[in-house]
N, C-alpha and C. Protein backbone atom coordinates (compact mmCIF):
# COMPACT_ATOMS: atom_id res chain seq x y z
N MET A 1 8.78 15.10 4.27
CA MET A 1 8.31 16.06 5.26
C MET A 1 7.67 17.24 4.53
N LYS A 2 6.46 17.58 4.89
CA LYS A 2 5.74 18.71 4.29
C LYS A 2 6.22 19.99 4.95
N THR A 3 6.83 20.85 4.16
CA THR A 3 7.35 22.12 4.66
C THR A 3 6.57 23.28 4.07
N LEU A 4 6.21 24.21 4.93
CA LEU A 4 5.52 25.43 4.53
C LEU A 4 6.47 26.60 4.73
N ILE A 5 6.69 27.36 3.67
CA ILE A 5 7.46 28.60 3.76
C ILE A 5 6.44 29.72 3.76
N LEU A 6 6.45 30.50 4.83
CA LEU A 6 5.41 31.50 5.06
C LEU A 6 6.03 32.89 5.14
N GLY A 7 5.82 33.70 4.10
CA GLY A 7 6.32 35.07 4.08
C GLY A 7 5.29 36.00 4.68
N ILE A 8 5.66 36.68 5.75
CA ILE A 8 4.71 37.56 6.42
C ILE A 8 5.24 38.99 6.46
N GLY A 9 4.33 39.92 6.65
CA GLY A 9 4.69 41.32 6.73
C GLY A 9 3.73 42.19 5.94
N ASN A 10 3.86 43.47 6.17
CA ASN A 10 2.98 44.45 5.53
C ASN A 10 3.73 45.13 4.39
N LEU A 11 3.33 44.85 3.17
CA LEU A 11 4.00 45.40 1.99
C LEU A 11 3.91 46.92 1.90
N LEU A 12 2.99 47.54 2.64
CA LEU A 12 2.83 49.00 2.58
C LEU A 12 3.72 49.74 3.56
N LEU A 13 4.52 48.99 4.35
CA LEU A 13 5.38 49.61 5.36
C LEU A 13 6.86 49.33 5.10
N GLY A 14 7.28 49.47 3.85
CA GLY A 14 8.69 49.34 3.50
C GLY A 14 9.28 48.00 3.90
N ASP A 15 10.31 48.02 4.76
CA ASP A 15 11.03 46.81 5.15
C ASP A 15 10.17 45.83 5.93
N GLU A 16 9.07 46.28 6.48
CA GLU A 16 8.15 45.38 7.19
C GLU A 16 7.62 44.29 6.26
N GLY A 17 7.61 44.53 4.96
CA GLY A 17 7.11 43.56 3.99
C GLY A 17 8.15 42.60 3.45
N VAL A 18 9.33 42.57 4.03
CA VAL A 18 10.42 41.75 3.48
C VAL A 18 10.07 40.27 3.40
N GLY A 19 9.31 39.75 4.34
CA GLY A 19 8.95 38.33 4.30
C GLY A 19 8.16 37.97 3.05
N VAL A 20 7.29 38.87 2.63
CA VAL A 20 6.49 38.64 1.42
C VAL A 20 7.39 38.69 0.19
N HIS A 21 8.35 39.62 0.18
CA HIS A 21 9.28 39.71 -0.94
C HIS A 21 10.12 38.43 -1.06
N VAL A 22 10.58 37.90 0.06
CA VAL A 22 11.37 36.66 0.04
C VAL A 22 10.49 35.50 -0.44
N ALA A 23 9.26 35.41 0.06
CA ALA A 23 8.36 34.34 -0.36
C ALA A 23 8.11 34.41 -1.87
N HIS A 24 7.96 35.61 -2.38
CA HIS A 24 7.73 35.78 -3.82
C HIS A 24 8.94 35.25 -4.60
N ALA A 25 10.15 35.59 -4.16
CA ALA A 25 11.37 35.12 -4.84
C ALA A 25 11.48 33.60 -4.75
N LEU A 26 11.15 33.02 -3.59
CA LEU A 26 11.22 31.57 -3.44
C LEU A 26 10.17 30.86 -4.30
N ALA A 27 8.99 31.44 -4.41
CA ALA A 27 7.93 30.84 -5.22
C ALA A 27 8.34 30.77 -6.69
N ALA A 28 9.18 31.70 -7.12
CA ALA A 28 9.63 31.74 -8.51
C ALA A 28 10.87 30.86 -8.74
N SER A 29 11.40 30.25 -7.68
CA SER A 29 12.61 29.44 -7.81
C SER A 29 12.27 27.95 -7.82
N GLN A 30 13.29 27.14 -8.02
CA GLN A 30 13.14 25.69 -8.00
C GLN A 30 13.26 25.22 -6.55
N LEU A 31 12.21 24.62 -6.04
CA LEU A 31 12.23 24.07 -4.70
C LEU A 31 11.88 22.59 -4.77
N PRO A 32 12.40 21.81 -3.84
CA PRO A 32 12.09 20.37 -3.86
C PRO A 32 10.60 20.10 -3.68
N GLU A 33 10.17 18.92 -4.07
CA GLU A 33 8.79 18.49 -3.89
C GLU A 33 8.47 18.47 -2.39
N GLY A 34 7.24 18.80 -2.05
CA GLY A 34 6.83 18.80 -0.64
C GLY A 34 7.03 20.14 0.04
N ILE A 35 7.50 21.14 -0.71
CA ILE A 35 7.71 22.48 -0.17
C ILE A 35 6.65 23.39 -0.79
N SER A 36 5.89 24.07 0.06
CA SER A 36 4.94 25.05 -0.47
C SER A 36 5.28 26.43 0.08
N VAL A 37 5.08 27.42 -0.75
CA VAL A 37 5.39 28.80 -0.40
C VAL A 37 4.09 29.59 -0.40
N VAL A 38 3.85 30.34 0.69
CA VAL A 38 2.66 31.17 0.79
C VAL A 38 3.08 32.59 1.16
N GLU A 39 2.63 33.55 0.36
CA GLU A 39 2.84 34.96 0.66
C GLU A 39 1.66 35.42 1.50
N ALA A 40 1.75 35.24 2.81
CA ALA A 40 0.61 35.51 3.69
C ALA A 40 0.41 36.99 3.95
N GLY A 41 1.46 37.78 3.89
CA GLY A 41 1.32 39.19 4.22
C GLY A 41 0.89 39.34 5.67
N THR A 42 -0.26 39.93 5.88
CA THR A 42 -0.80 40.09 7.24
C THR A 42 -2.05 39.22 7.45
N ALA A 43 -2.36 38.38 6.49
CA ALA A 43 -3.58 37.57 6.54
C ALA A 43 -3.30 36.18 7.12
N PHE A 44 -2.87 36.14 8.38
CA PHE A 44 -2.52 34.87 9.02
C PHE A 44 -3.66 33.88 9.01
N LEU A 45 -4.86 34.36 9.30
CA LEU A 45 -5.98 33.43 9.44
C LEU A 45 -6.31 32.75 8.11
N ASP A 46 -5.96 33.36 7.00
CA ASP A 46 -6.21 32.76 5.70
C ASP A 46 -5.32 31.54 5.44
N VAL A 47 -4.22 31.42 6.16
CA VAL A 47 -3.30 30.30 5.91
C VAL A 47 -3.43 29.18 6.95
N LEU A 48 -4.46 29.24 7.79
CA LEU A 48 -4.65 28.19 8.79
C LEU A 48 -4.67 26.78 8.17
N PRO A 49 -5.34 26.56 7.04
CA PRO A 49 -5.33 25.20 6.47
C PRO A 49 -3.93 24.71 6.11
N GLU A 50 -3.09 25.58 5.57
CA GLU A 50 -1.72 25.19 5.22
C GLU A 50 -0.89 24.93 6.47
N ILE A 51 -1.07 25.77 7.50
CA ILE A 51 -0.34 25.58 8.75
C ILE A 51 -0.73 24.25 9.38
N GLU A 52 -1.99 23.92 9.31
CA GLU A 52 -2.47 22.68 9.91
C GLU A 52 -1.82 21.45 9.29
N LYS A 53 -1.49 21.48 8.01
CA LYS A 53 -0.90 20.33 7.32
C LYS A 53 0.62 20.25 7.43
N ALA A 54 1.26 21.33 7.84
CA ALA A 54 2.72 21.40 7.80
C ALA A 54 3.38 20.58 8.91
N GLU A 55 4.50 19.98 8.56
CA GLU A 55 5.34 19.31 9.54
C GLU A 55 6.50 20.21 9.95
N ARG A 56 6.83 21.15 9.07
CA ARG A 56 7.89 22.12 9.34
C ARG A 56 7.46 23.43 8.70
N ILE A 57 7.69 24.54 9.42
CA ILE A 57 7.31 25.86 8.92
C ILE A 57 8.53 26.78 9.00
N PHE A 58 8.82 27.43 7.88
CA PHE A 58 9.80 28.51 7.86
C PHE A 58 9.02 29.81 7.80
N LEU A 59 9.13 30.63 8.84
CA LEU A 59 8.52 31.96 8.85
C LEU A 59 9.58 32.97 8.41
N ILE A 60 9.21 33.88 7.54
CA ILE A 60 10.14 34.92 7.10
C ILE A 60 9.49 36.26 7.40
N ASP A 61 10.22 37.09 8.14
CA ASP A 61 9.63 38.37 8.56
C ASP A 61 10.75 39.36 8.89
N ALA A 62 10.39 40.63 8.98
CA ALA A 62 11.30 41.63 9.51
C ALA A 62 11.48 41.34 11.00
N MET A 63 12.71 41.50 11.50
CA MET A 63 12.98 41.21 12.90
C MET A 63 13.97 42.25 13.46
N GLU A 64 13.51 43.01 14.43
CA GLU A 64 14.39 43.97 15.08
C GLU A 64 15.11 43.27 16.21
N ALA A 65 16.42 43.00 15.98
CA ALA A 65 17.21 42.28 16.97
C ALA A 65 18.48 43.02 17.33
N GLY A 66 18.62 44.25 16.86
CA GLY A 66 19.75 45.08 17.26
C GLY A 66 20.95 45.04 16.33
N GLY A 67 20.90 44.26 15.26
CA GLY A 67 22.01 44.20 14.32
C GLY A 67 21.91 45.30 13.28
N PRO A 68 22.92 45.37 12.42
CA PRO A 68 22.85 46.35 11.34
C PRO A 68 21.71 46.01 10.37
N PRO A 69 21.10 47.02 9.75
CA PRO A 69 20.05 46.74 8.76
C PRO A 69 20.54 45.76 7.71
N GLY A 70 19.67 44.80 7.38
CA GLY A 70 20.00 43.77 6.41
C GLY A 70 20.58 42.51 7.03
N SER A 71 20.84 42.52 8.36
CA SER A 71 21.33 41.31 9.02
C SER A 71 20.28 40.23 8.91
N VAL A 72 20.73 39.00 8.71
CA VAL A 72 19.83 37.86 8.57
C VAL A 72 19.98 36.98 9.80
N TYR A 73 18.84 36.64 10.40
CA TYR A 73 18.82 35.81 11.60
C TYR A 73 18.06 34.52 11.30
N ARG A 74 18.47 33.46 11.96
CA ARG A 74 17.74 32.19 11.89
C ARG A 74 17.67 31.64 13.30
N LEU A 75 16.45 31.42 13.78
CA LEU A 75 16.29 30.87 15.13
C LEU A 75 14.98 30.13 15.27
N PRO A 76 14.93 29.20 16.22
CA PRO A 76 13.67 28.51 16.47
C PRO A 76 12.61 29.49 16.95
N PHE A 77 11.37 29.24 16.55
CA PHE A 77 10.26 30.14 16.89
C PHE A 77 10.12 30.33 18.40
N ASP A 78 10.37 29.27 19.16
CA ASP A 78 10.18 29.38 20.61
C ASP A 78 11.24 30.27 21.27
N GLN A 79 12.28 30.67 20.54
CA GLN A 79 13.27 31.60 21.07
C GLN A 79 12.96 33.05 20.70
N CYS A 80 11.90 33.27 19.94
CA CYS A 80 11.50 34.62 19.56
C CYS A 80 10.67 35.25 20.67
N HIS A 81 10.71 36.57 20.75
CA HIS A 81 9.87 37.31 21.68
C HIS A 81 8.44 37.28 21.14
N HIS A 82 7.48 36.93 22.01
CA HIS A 82 6.08 36.91 21.62
C HIS A 82 5.34 37.98 22.41
N PRO A 83 4.55 38.81 21.73
CA PRO A 83 3.85 39.90 22.42
C PRO A 83 2.83 39.37 23.43
N ASP A 84 2.57 40.17 24.44
CA ASP A 84 1.58 39.82 25.45
C ASP A 84 0.16 40.13 25.00
N THR A 85 0.03 40.86 23.90
CA THR A 85 -1.30 41.24 23.42
C THR A 85 -1.75 40.27 22.34
N LEU A 86 -3.05 40.22 22.11
CA LEU A 86 -3.62 39.31 21.11
C LEU A 86 -3.25 39.71 19.70
N ALA A 87 -3.16 41.00 19.44
CA ALA A 87 -2.90 41.47 18.08
C ALA A 87 -1.47 42.00 17.96
N SER A 88 -1.01 42.06 16.72
CA SER A 88 0.30 42.63 16.41
C SER A 88 0.13 43.47 15.14
N LEU A 89 1.25 43.94 14.56
CA LEU A 89 1.18 44.66 13.29
C LEU A 89 0.55 43.79 12.21
N HIS A 90 0.65 42.46 12.38
CA HIS A 90 0.13 41.54 11.37
C HIS A 90 -1.33 41.17 11.62
N GLY A 91 -1.93 41.69 12.65
CA GLY A 91 -3.33 41.38 12.92
C GLY A 91 -3.47 40.43 14.09
N PHE A 92 -2.72 39.33 14.09
CA PHE A 92 -2.72 38.37 15.18
C PHE A 92 -1.27 37.98 15.46
N ASP A 93 -0.98 37.68 16.71
CA ASP A 93 0.34 37.16 17.06
C ASP A 93 0.47 35.75 16.47
N MET A 94 1.61 35.46 15.85
CA MET A 94 1.79 34.18 15.17
C MET A 94 1.69 32.99 16.11
N SER A 95 2.11 33.10 17.36
CA SER A 95 2.01 31.97 18.28
C SER A 95 0.55 31.59 18.49
N ARG A 96 -0.33 32.57 18.52
CA ARG A 96 -1.75 32.27 18.67
C ARG A 96 -2.33 31.66 17.39
N VAL A 97 -1.83 32.09 16.25
CA VAL A 97 -2.29 31.52 14.99
C VAL A 97 -1.88 30.05 14.91
N LEU A 98 -0.64 29.73 15.31
CA LEU A 98 -0.20 28.34 15.30
C LEU A 98 -1.08 27.49 16.22
N TYR A 99 -1.44 28.06 17.35
CA TYR A 99 -2.33 27.33 18.28
C TYR A 99 -3.71 27.12 17.64
N MET A 100 -4.25 28.15 17.01
CA MET A 100 -5.57 28.06 16.39
C MET A 100 -5.59 27.06 15.23
N ALA A 101 -4.44 26.87 14.58
CA ALA A 101 -4.39 25.94 13.45
C ALA A 101 -4.67 24.51 13.90
N GLY A 102 -4.40 24.22 15.17
CA GLY A 102 -4.71 22.90 15.70
C GLY A 102 -3.89 21.79 15.07
N ASN A 103 -2.67 22.08 14.64
CA ASN A 103 -1.82 21.08 14.03
C ASN A 103 -1.39 20.07 15.09
N GLU A 104 -1.87 18.85 14.97
CA GLU A 104 -1.57 17.82 15.96
C GLU A 104 -0.14 17.31 15.85
N ARG A 105 0.54 17.61 14.74
CA ARG A 105 1.92 17.16 14.55
C ARG A 105 2.93 18.02 15.32
N ASN A 106 2.50 19.17 15.83
CA ASN A 106 3.40 20.09 16.51
C ASN A 106 4.62 20.37 15.63
N PRO A 107 4.43 21.13 14.55
CA PRO A 107 5.50 21.32 13.57
C PRO A 107 6.69 22.06 14.15
N GLU A 108 7.85 21.76 13.58
CA GLU A 108 9.05 22.54 13.88
C GLU A 108 8.87 23.87 13.18
N VAL A 109 9.08 24.97 13.90
CA VAL A 109 8.92 26.30 13.31
C VAL A 109 10.24 27.04 13.45
N VAL A 110 10.78 27.46 12.31
CA VAL A 110 12.05 28.18 12.24
C VAL A 110 11.76 29.57 11.68
N VAL A 111 12.35 30.58 12.27
CA VAL A 111 12.15 31.96 11.83
C VAL A 111 13.41 32.46 11.14
N PHE A 112 13.23 33.00 9.95
CA PHE A 112 14.28 33.74 9.27
C PHE A 112 13.88 35.21 9.37
N GLY A 113 14.65 35.97 10.12
CA GLY A 113 14.37 37.38 10.30
C GLY A 113 15.39 38.24 9.59
N ILE A 114 14.96 39.37 9.09
CA ILE A 114 15.85 40.32 8.43
C ILE A 114 15.70 41.65 9.17
N GLU A 115 16.83 42.16 9.63
CA GLU A 115 16.84 43.43 10.37
C GLU A 115 16.41 44.56 9.44
N PRO A 116 15.33 45.26 9.78
CA PRO A 116 14.86 46.35 8.90
C PRO A 116 15.71 47.62 9.08
N SER A 117 15.71 48.43 8.06
CA SER A 117 16.33 49.74 8.13
C SER A 117 15.27 50.79 8.41
N ARG A 118 14.12 50.64 7.74
CA ARG A 118 13.03 51.59 7.97
C ARG A 118 11.68 50.90 7.81
N ILE A 119 10.82 51.22 8.74
CA ILE A 119 9.44 50.75 8.68
C ILE A 119 8.58 52.01 8.67
N GLU A 120 8.19 52.37 7.47
CA GLU A 120 7.40 53.58 7.26
C GLU A 120 6.60 53.39 5.98
N TRP A 121 5.62 54.25 5.75
CA TRP A 121 4.79 54.12 4.57
C TRP A 121 5.64 54.11 3.32
N GLY A 122 5.39 53.13 2.48
CA GLY A 122 6.10 52.99 1.21
C GLY A 122 6.21 51.53 0.84
N VAL A 123 6.33 51.25 -0.43
CA VAL A 123 6.37 49.86 -0.89
C VAL A 123 7.77 49.38 -1.25
N GLU A 124 8.75 50.25 -1.21
CA GLU A 124 10.12 49.89 -1.57
C GLU A 124 10.89 49.42 -0.34
N LEU A 125 11.73 48.40 -0.53
CA LEU A 125 12.64 47.97 0.52
C LEU A 125 13.85 48.90 0.56
N SER A 126 14.41 49.09 1.75
CA SER A 126 15.64 49.86 1.87
C SER A 126 16.76 49.09 1.18
N GLU A 127 17.83 49.76 0.83
CA GLU A 127 18.94 49.10 0.13
C GLU A 127 19.54 47.95 0.94
N PRO A 128 19.83 48.10 2.25
CA PRO A 128 20.42 46.95 2.96
C PRO A 128 19.51 45.73 3.01
N VAL A 129 18.22 45.95 3.13
CA VAL A 129 17.27 44.83 3.18
C VAL A 129 17.14 44.20 1.79
N ARG A 130 17.06 45.03 0.77
CA ARG A 130 16.99 44.51 -0.61
C ARG A 130 18.23 43.68 -0.94
N LEU A 131 19.40 44.12 -0.49
CA LEU A 131 20.64 43.39 -0.76
C LEU A 131 20.73 42.09 0.04
N ALA A 132 19.97 41.97 1.14
CA ALA A 132 19.98 40.75 1.95
C ALA A 132 19.07 39.67 1.38
N LEU A 133 18.14 40.03 0.49
CA LEU A 133 17.18 39.06 -0.05
C LEU A 133 17.84 37.82 -0.66
N PRO A 134 18.86 37.96 -1.52
CA PRO A 134 19.45 36.75 -2.10
C PRO A 134 20.05 35.80 -1.05
N GLU A 135 20.61 36.35 0.02
CA GLU A 135 21.17 35.50 1.07
C GLU A 135 20.07 34.69 1.76
N VAL A 136 18.96 35.34 2.07
CA VAL A 136 17.85 34.63 2.73
C VAL A 136 17.31 33.54 1.82
N VAL A 137 17.11 33.86 0.55
CA VAL A 137 16.61 32.89 -0.41
C VAL A 137 17.58 31.71 -0.50
N ARG A 138 18.88 31.98 -0.61
CA ARG A 138 19.89 30.92 -0.70
C ARG A 138 19.87 30.03 0.53
N ARG A 139 19.81 30.63 1.71
CA ARG A 139 19.83 29.84 2.95
C ARG A 139 18.60 28.94 3.07
N ILE A 140 17.44 29.45 2.69
CA ILE A 140 16.24 28.63 2.75
C ILE A 140 16.30 27.52 1.70
N GLN A 141 16.79 27.82 0.51
CA GLN A 141 16.93 26.79 -0.51
C GLN A 141 17.89 25.70 -0.04
N GLU A 142 18.99 26.09 0.59
CA GLU A 142 19.95 25.11 1.11
C GLU A 142 19.30 24.22 2.17
N GLU A 143 18.52 24.82 3.07
CA GLU A 143 17.87 24.02 4.12
C GLU A 143 16.84 23.07 3.56
N THR A 144 16.07 23.52 2.58
CA THR A 144 15.05 22.62 2.02
C THR A 144 15.71 21.49 1.23
N THR A 145 16.81 21.77 0.54
CA THR A 145 17.54 20.72 -0.20
C THR A 145 18.16 19.73 0.78
N ALA A 146 18.78 20.24 1.84
CA ALA A 146 19.38 19.36 2.86
C ALA A 146 18.30 18.50 3.50
N GLN A 147 17.14 19.08 3.73
CA GLN A 147 16.01 18.35 4.32
C GLN A 147 15.60 17.21 3.41
N LEU A 148 15.55 17.48 2.11
CA LEU A 148 15.16 16.45 1.15
C LEU A 148 16.18 15.32 1.14
N LEU A 149 17.47 15.64 1.16
CA LEU A 149 18.51 14.63 1.14
C LEU A 149 18.52 13.80 2.43
N ALA A 150 18.13 14.41 3.55
CA ALA A 150 18.14 13.71 4.83
C ALA A 150 16.88 12.88 5.06
N SER A 151 15.83 13.14 4.29
CA SER A 151 14.56 12.43 4.48
C SER A 151 14.70 10.97 4.05
N PRO A 152 14.15 10.06 4.84
CA PRO A 152 14.18 8.66 4.42
C PRO A 152 13.27 8.45 3.22
N ARG A 153 13.70 7.65 2.30
CA ARG A 153 12.91 7.35 1.10
C ARG A 153 11.90 6.26 1.43
N SER A 154 10.70 6.36 0.86
CA SER A 154 9.69 5.32 1.09
C SER A 154 9.84 4.19 0.11
């Protein structure tokens, strides 16, 4: 199964860039074959070719869900709130980007969200979000390894 790990967010807005930080850490780690990591930032349209090929997508982003800063969430994309407007902080709403990718496989999309502490100008992550990074990396590594073990061999 071709899996795309997509780190999104704005690196110039503190905790808003956490998805890119996680993607960077995952790209530097050992991942099973068939897993690709893209640090998309806010350039969703640039990753349309990768989205089109994916059978499974892990999105990593800051997510305000009411928990304490640094809380890690995992949920299916269709359970996330989607804005009514065409644009978001990332330039385009991700649901519209997935539609534009035209992926005929209808990939499974899972979101890993990290509760931000502060979204303001700056490139540093807050301490609770920075301390949550290893947990997010570990959970994604575990899922990709489990996926590999569960995949039928050809």
